[in-house]
Amino acid sequence: MHEVPAYGSLLLAEIGLEAFPDRYSGFKVLQCNGYAGTIIQVFFAPGVEGPPSNEEEFLVVDDVKQVKIGKFIEGGVLEQGFKSYVVTLEAIEKEGKEDECVMRGTIDYALYDEAAIPLVTSSIEGLLALMKAVADYVIKHHNSSTTTN
């Protein structure tokens, strides 16, 4: 399972850009190298409602435990009624199944404004879509690496 580190480093942002070009136009590393302490700015594609970008700090990136925790620190949902927004992504190995895992995503948030509640649903849908894109990426790259070995 550790052969394709889709949650680690900056690969997750790259997968998101590739999978959702109508939603994201790019990202820029503001600090560090893709692991804990990294801050990235993600730019939304033209025509996407809301702020033009958001900044996210990677609090935890653990390739061994397959966990990534990111906290939004500026822009995005923080300008749309959210006080805080933290996303945890985990790939949990299935016991006895080296090539299988369960993906879990958690969004911890607090709201300033109840009018932002509809954004909670869309953010969950966005997280599910990203997790599916990551799963597709891992399957594609794992299968190609096992067929070439």
Foldseek 3Di string as FASTA:
>chain_A
DLPDLCQFFCNLVVLVCVLCVQFWVDKDWPDDTGAAQTKMKTATDPPDDFDGIWIKGWHGGDSVQQKTKIWIDDTDCVVVFWPTKMKMWGWADDPPDNPDTDIDMDIDTHGRDPVCVVVVVVVVVVVVSSVVSSVVVCVVVVVVVVVVD
